Amino acid sequence: MSEDFVMWDVDGILESYKDIPEWEASVNNTLEELFRFLEMNGLLCCRVTNERGQIIKRKVKFSELTDEGRSIAFGPKNPVHRWLASKGAQKTPPDMKMLERALLEIRR
């Protein structure tokens, strides 16, 4: 299996919501917060934000995840997938508790 496939492409995903501005904004916010969470917790091998915390990289590939990042974001029933489908992910700002707990479990 190639380790360079796209995990998340914010702009590609947002294309599906371009006719519903409220949903587009909500999905954009959720994915940007996910990217910040991954970066702040050392789960990425690359930077996705600038010095002001703004998202500058809007596409993350599998090869850009650390081993811990892969544990939390890849495979059946992975915590990121469950979080994205949760009510907490849809809040403004998104509730990151589910991901924080999953990360604690991985780091034990």
N, C-alpha and C. Protein backbone atom coordinates (compact mmCIF):
# COMPACT_ATOMS: atom_id res chain seq x y z
N MET A 1 0.84 -1.18 0.00
CA MET A 1 0.00 0.00 0.00
C MET A 1 0.88 1.24 0.00
N SER A 2 0.56 2.19 -0.84
CA SER A 2 1.29 3.46 -0.88
C SER A 2 1.01 4.24 0.39
N GLU A 3 2.07 4.81 0.98
CA GLU A 3 1.89 5.58 2.21
C GLU A 3 1.79 7.07 1.91
N ASP A 4 1.36 7.42 0.72
CA ASP A 4 1.28 8.83 0.37
C ASP A 4 -0.10 9.22 -0.16
N PHE A 5 -1.14 8.57 0.36
CA PHE A 5 -2.49 8.95 -0.07
C PHE A 5 -3.03 10.06 0.82
N VAL A 6 -3.97 10.81 0.30
CA VAL A 6 -4.54 11.95 1.02
C VAL A 6 -5.52 11.46 2.08
N MET A 7 -5.30 11.89 3.32
CA MET A 7 -6.22 11.58 4.41
C MET A 7 -7.37 12.58 4.44
N TRP A 8 -7.02 13.86 4.41
CA TRP A 8 -8.02 14.93 4.44
C TRP A 8 -7.60 16.03 3.47
N ASP A 9 -8.53 16.47 2.67
CA ASP A 9 -8.34 17.58 1.74
C ASP A 9 -9.48 18.56 2.02
N VAL A 10 -9.20 19.57 2.82
CA VAL A 10 -10.24 20.50 3.27
C VAL A 10 -10.99 21.08 2.08
N ASP A 11 -10.27 21.62 1.12
CA ASP A 11 -10.94 22.26 -0.02
C ASP A 11 -11.74 21.26 -0.85
N GLY A 12 -11.22 20.06 -1.00
CA GLY A 12 -11.95 19.03 -1.73
C GLY A 12 -13.24 18.64 -1.03
N ILE A 13 -13.18 18.52 0.28
CA ILE A 13 -14.38 18.18 1.07
C ILE A 13 -15.39 19.32 1.01
N LEU A 14 -14.91 20.56 1.10
CA LEU A 14 -15.81 21.71 1.10
C LEU A 14 -16.56 21.87 -0.22
N GLU A 15 -16.02 21.33 -1.30
CA GLU A 15 -16.72 21.38 -2.59
C GLU A 15 -18.12 20.78 -2.48
N SER A 16 -18.27 19.77 -1.64
CA SER A 16 -19.57 19.11 -1.47
C SER A 16 -20.59 20.01 -0.79
N TYR A 17 -20.11 21.05 -0.10
CA TYR A 17 -21.00 21.90 0.69
C TYR A 17 -21.12 23.32 0.14
N LYS A 18 -20.63 23.56 -1.07
CA LYS A 18 -20.58 24.93 -1.59
C LYS A 18 -21.96 25.56 -1.76
N ASP A 19 -23.00 24.76 -1.90
CA ASP A 19 -24.35 25.31 -2.05
C ASP A 19 -25.06 25.53 -0.72
N ILE A 20 -24.42 25.13 0.38
CA ILE A 20 -25.02 25.29 1.71
C ILE A 20 -23.98 26.00 2.59
N PRO A 21 -23.93 27.33 2.55
CA PRO A 21 -22.87 28.09 3.22
C PRO A 21 -22.71 27.79 4.72
N GLU A 22 -23.82 27.56 5.42
CA GLU A 22 -23.71 27.29 6.86
C GLU A 22 -22.96 25.99 7.11
N TRP A 23 -23.27 24.98 6.33
CA TRP A 23 -22.60 23.68 6.48
C TRP A 23 -21.15 23.79 6.06
N GLU A 24 -20.91 24.53 4.99
CA GLU A 24 -19.55 24.71 4.50
C GLU A 24 -18.68 25.34 5.59
N ALA A 25 -19.20 26.37 6.25
CA ALA A 25 -18.45 27.04 7.32
C ALA A 25 -18.22 26.10 8.50
N SER A 26 -19.24 25.32 8.86
CA SER A 26 -19.12 24.39 9.97
C SER A 26 -18.09 23.29 9.69
N VAL A 27 -18.14 22.72 8.50
CA VAL A 27 -17.20 21.66 8.12
C VAL A 27 -15.78 22.22 8.05
N ASN A 28 -15.63 23.40 7.50
CA ASN A 28 -14.31 24.05 7.43
C ASN A 28 -13.75 24.24 8.84
N ASN A 29 -14.56 24.76 9.75
CA ASN A 29 -14.13 24.98 11.12
C ASN A 29 -13.72 23.67 11.79
N THR A 30 -14.52 22.63 11.61
CA THR A 30 -14.23 21.33 12.21
C THR A 30 -12.90 20.77 11.70
N LEU A 31 -12.69 20.81 10.41
CA LEU A 31 -11.45 20.26 9.84
C LEU A 31 -10.24 21.10 10.23
N GLU A 32 -10.39 22.41 10.27
CA GLU A 32 -9.27 23.25 10.69
C GLU A 32 -8.89 22.97 12.14
N GLU A 33 -9.89 22.78 13.01
CA GLU A 33 -9.60 22.45 14.41
C GLU A 33 -8.94 21.08 14.53
N LEU A 34 -9.36 20.13 13.70
CA LEU A 34 -8.71 18.82 13.68
C LEU A 34 -7.24 18.97 13.31
N PHE A 35 -6.94 19.74 12.28
CA PHE A 35 -5.56 19.96 11.86
C PHE A 35 -4.75 20.61 12.98
N ARG A 36 -5.33 21.61 13.67
CA ARG A 36 -4.62 22.26 14.79
C ARG A 36 -4.35 21.25 15.90
N PHE A 37 -5.35 20.43 16.22
CA PHE A 37 -5.20 19.41 17.26
C PHE A 37 -4.06 18.46 16.92
N LEU A 38 -4.05 17.97 15.69
CA LEU A 38 -3.00 17.04 15.27
C LEU A 38 -1.62 17.69 15.37
N GLU A 39 -1.50 18.93 14.94
CA GLU A 39 -0.21 19.62 14.99
C GLU A 39 0.21 19.91 16.43
N MET A 40 -0.70 20.44 17.24
CA MET A 40 -0.36 20.81 18.62
C MET A 40 0.06 19.60 19.46
N ASN A 41 -0.43 18.43 19.10
CA ASN A 41 -0.12 17.23 19.86
C ASN A 41 0.97 16.37 19.23
N GLY A 42 1.68 16.92 18.27
CA GLY A 42 2.80 16.22 17.67
C GLY A 42 2.42 15.00 16.86
N LEU A 43 1.24 15.02 16.26
CA LEU A 43 0.76 13.87 15.50
C LEU A 43 1.02 14.01 14.00
N LEU A 44 1.64 15.13 13.62
CA LEU A 44 1.99 15.38 12.22
C LEU A 44 3.49 15.56 12.08
N CYS A 45 4.03 15.19 10.94
CA CYS A 45 5.46 15.38 10.63
C CYS A 45 5.69 16.72 9.95
N CYS A 46 4.64 17.50 9.74
CA CYS A 46 4.75 18.77 9.03
C CYS A 46 3.94 19.83 9.76
N ARG A 47 4.17 21.08 9.41
CA ARG A 47 3.39 22.19 9.96
C ARG A 47 2.15 22.39 9.10
N VAL A 48 1.04 22.69 9.75
CA VAL A 48 -0.18 23.03 9.01
C VAL A 48 -0.66 24.44 9.35
N THR A 49 0.01 25.09 10.33
CA THR A 49 -0.37 26.45 10.72
C THR A 49 0.82 27.38 10.59
N ASN A 50 0.50 28.67 10.50
CA ASN A 50 1.57 29.67 10.52
C ASN A 50 1.77 30.14 11.96
N GLU A 51 2.61 31.15 12.15
CA GLU A 51 2.92 31.63 13.50
C GLU A 51 1.71 32.23 14.20
N ARG A 52 0.66 32.60 13.47
CA ARG A 52 -0.56 33.15 14.07
C ARG A 52 -1.62 32.08 14.31
N GLY A 53 -1.30 30.83 14.01
CA GLY A 53 -2.23 29.74 14.22
C GLY A 53 -3.23 29.54 13.10
N GLN A 54 -3.04 30.23 11.99
CA GLN A 54 -3.94 30.08 10.85
C GLN A 54 -3.52 28.86 10.03
N ILE A 55 -4.50 28.14 9.53
CA ILE A 55 -4.23 26.96 8.71
C ILE A 55 -3.66 27.40 7.36
N ILE A 56 -2.48 26.89 7.03
CA ILE A 56 -1.84 27.23 5.76
C ILE A 56 -1.70 26.00 4.86
N LYS A 57 -1.83 24.83 5.44
CA LYS A 57 -1.76 23.57 4.67
C LYS A 57 -3.11 22.91 4.82
N ARG A 58 -3.83 22.75 3.73
CA ARG A 58 -5.21 22.30 3.79
C ARG A 58 -5.41 20.86 3.29
N LYS A 59 -4.30 20.16 3.13
CA LYS A 59 -4.35 18.76 2.69
C LYS A 59 -3.30 18.00 3.50
N VAL A 60 -3.70 16.89 4.11
CA VAL A 60 -2.76 16.07 4.89
C VAL A 60 -2.75 14.67 4.30
N LYS A 61 -1.55 14.17 4.07
CA LYS A 61 -1.37 12.82 3.53
C LYS A 61 -1.03 11.85 4.66
N PHE A 62 -1.26 10.58 4.40
CA PHE A 62 -0.97 9.53 5.38
C PHE A 62 0.49 9.58 5.81
N SER A 63 1.38 9.80 4.86
CA SER A 63 2.81 9.82 5.17
C SER A 63 3.20 11.00 6.05
N GLU A 64 2.33 11.98 6.21
CA GLU A 64 2.62 13.14 7.05
C GLU A 64 2.17 12.96 8.49
N LEU A 65 1.57 11.82 8.80
CA LEU A 65 1.18 11.49 10.17
C LEU A 65 2.31 10.74 10.86
N THR A 66 2.52 11.04 12.14
CA THR A 66 3.47 10.26 12.93
C THR A 66 2.84 8.90 13.23
N ASP A 67 3.58 8.01 13.87
CA ASP A 67 3.01 6.71 14.24
C ASP A 67 1.80 6.88 15.15
N GLU A 68 1.90 7.81 16.14
CA GLU A 68 0.76 8.09 17.01
C GLU A 68 -0.39 8.67 16.21
N GLY A 69 -0.08 9.54 15.27
CA GLY A 69 -1.11 10.13 14.42
C GLY A 69 -1.84 9.07 13.62
N ARG A 70 -1.10 8.09 13.13
CA ARG A 70 -1.73 7.00 12.38
C ARG A 70 -2.61 6.16 13.29
N SER A 71 -2.18 5.98 14.54
CA SER A 71 -2.97 5.19 15.49
C SER A 71 -4.32 5.83 15.77
N ILE A 72 -4.34 7.15 15.82
CA ILE A 72 -5.58 7.86 16.16
C ILE A 72 -6.44 8.15 14.94
N ALA A 73 -5.84 8.14 13.74
CA ALA A 73 -6.57 8.61 12.55
C ALA A 73 -6.79 7.57 11.47
N PHE A 74 -6.29 6.37 11.64
CA PHE A 74 -6.38 5.39 10.55
C PHE A 74 -6.87 4.06 11.07
N GLY A 75 -7.59 3.35 10.24
CA GLY A 75 -8.08 2.02 10.58
C GLY A 75 -9.56 2.04 10.92
N PRO A 76 -10.12 0.84 11.05
CA PRO A 76 -11.55 0.75 11.35
C PRO A 76 -11.86 1.35 12.72
N LYS A 77 -12.94 2.08 12.79
CA LYS A 77 -13.41 2.70 14.05
C LYS A 77 -12.36 3.58 14.70
N ASN A 78 -11.56 4.27 13.90
CA ASN A 78 -10.53 5.13 14.48
C ASN A 78 -11.16 6.33 15.17
N PRO A 79 -10.51 6.85 16.22
CA PRO A 79 -11.06 7.96 16.99
C PRO A 79 -11.36 9.21 16.17
N VAL A 80 -10.54 9.54 15.18
CA VAL A 80 -10.81 10.74 14.38
C VAL A 80 -12.11 10.57 13.60
N HIS A 81 -12.30 9.43 13.00
CA HIS A 81 -13.53 9.18 12.23
C HIS A 81 -14.76 9.27 13.14
N ARG A 82 -14.68 8.67 14.32
CA ARG A 82 -15.80 8.73 15.27
C ARG A 82 -16.04 10.17 15.71
N TRP A 83 -14.96 10.91 15.97
CA TRP A 83 -15.10 12.30 16.39
C TRP A 83 -15.75 13.14 15.29
N LEU A 84 -15.32 12.97 14.05
CA LEU A 84 -15.90 13.75 12.95
C LEU A 84 -17.40 13.53 12.82
N ALA A 85 -17.88 12.35 13.20
CA ALA A 85 -19.31 12.04 13.12
C ALA A 85 -20.06 12.43 14.39
N SER A 86 -19.35 12.90 15.41
CA SER A 86 -19.98 13.20 16.70
C SER A 86 -20.59 14.60 16.73
N LYS A 87 -21.47 14.81 17.71
CA LYS A 87 -22.05 16.14 17.92
C LYS A 87 -20.99 17.12 18.38
N GLY A 88 -20.02 16.64 19.13
CA GLY A 88 -18.96 17.50 19.63
C GLY A 88 -18.15 18.16 18.53
N ALA A 89 -17.95 17.46 17.44
CA ALA A 89 -17.19 18.01 16.32
C ALA A 89 -17.95 19.11 15.61
N GLN A 90 -19.28 19.11 15.73
CA GLN A 90 -20.11 20.10 15.03
C GLN A 90 -20.30 21.38 15.84
N LYS A 91 -19.86 21.38 17.09
CA LYS A 91 -20.00 22.58 17.93
C LYS A 91 -19.03 23.66 17.47
N THR A 92 -19.32 24.89 17.90
CA THR A 92 -18.42 26.01 17.62
C THR A 92 -18.00 26.62 18.94
N PRO A 93 -16.75 26.48 19.36
CA PRO A 93 -15.70 25.69 18.72
C PRO A 93 -15.93 24.19 18.97
N PRO A 94 -15.35 23.35 18.15
CA PRO A 94 -15.53 21.91 18.32
C PRO A 94 -15.03 21.42 19.68
N ASP A 95 -15.75 20.45 20.23
CA ASP A 95 -15.38 19.83 21.49
C ASP A 95 -14.36 18.73 21.19
N MET A 96 -13.14 18.90 21.68
CA MET A 96 -12.05 17.98 21.36
C MET A 96 -11.87 16.87 22.40
N LYS A 97 -12.74 16.78 23.39
CA LYS A 97 -12.56 15.82 24.49
C LYS A 97 -12.41 14.38 24.01
N MET A 98 -13.19 13.99 23.02
CA MET A 98 -13.12 12.61 22.52
C MET A 98 -11.72 12.32 21.97
N LEU A 99 -11.16 13.25 21.23
CA LEU A 99 -9.82 13.06 20.68
C LEU A 99 -8.76 13.12 21.78
N GLU A 100 -8.95 14.00 22.75
CA GLU A 100 -8.00 14.09 23.86
C GLU A 100 -7.95 12.78 24.64
N ARG A 101 -9.12 12.19 24.90
CA ARG A 101 -9.16 10.90 25.62
C ARG A 101 -8.49 9.80 24.80
N ALA A 102 -8.76 9.77 23.51
CA ALA A 102 -8.16 8.75 22.64
C ALA A 102 -6.64 8.89 22.63
N LEU A 103 -6.15 10.12 22.61
CA LEU A 103 -4.71 10.34 22.61
C LEU A 103 -4.09 9.89 23.93
N LEU A 104 -4.77 10.15 25.04
CA LEU A 104 -4.28 9.67 26.33
C LEU A 104 -4.17 8.14 26.34
N GLU A 105 -5.15 7.46 25.79
CA GLU A 105 -5.12 5.99 25.72
C GLU A 105 -3.93 5.50 24.90
N ILE A 106 -3.67 6.14 23.79
CA ILE A 106 -2.56 5.75 22.93
C ILE A 106 -1.22 5.96 23.63
N ARG A 107 -1.13 7.02 24.41
CA ARG A 107 0.14 7.38 25.06
C ARG A 107 0.38 6.67 26.38
N ARG A 108 -0.52 5.84 26.81
CA ARG A 108 -0.32 5.09 28.07
C ARG A 108 0.75 4.05 27.92
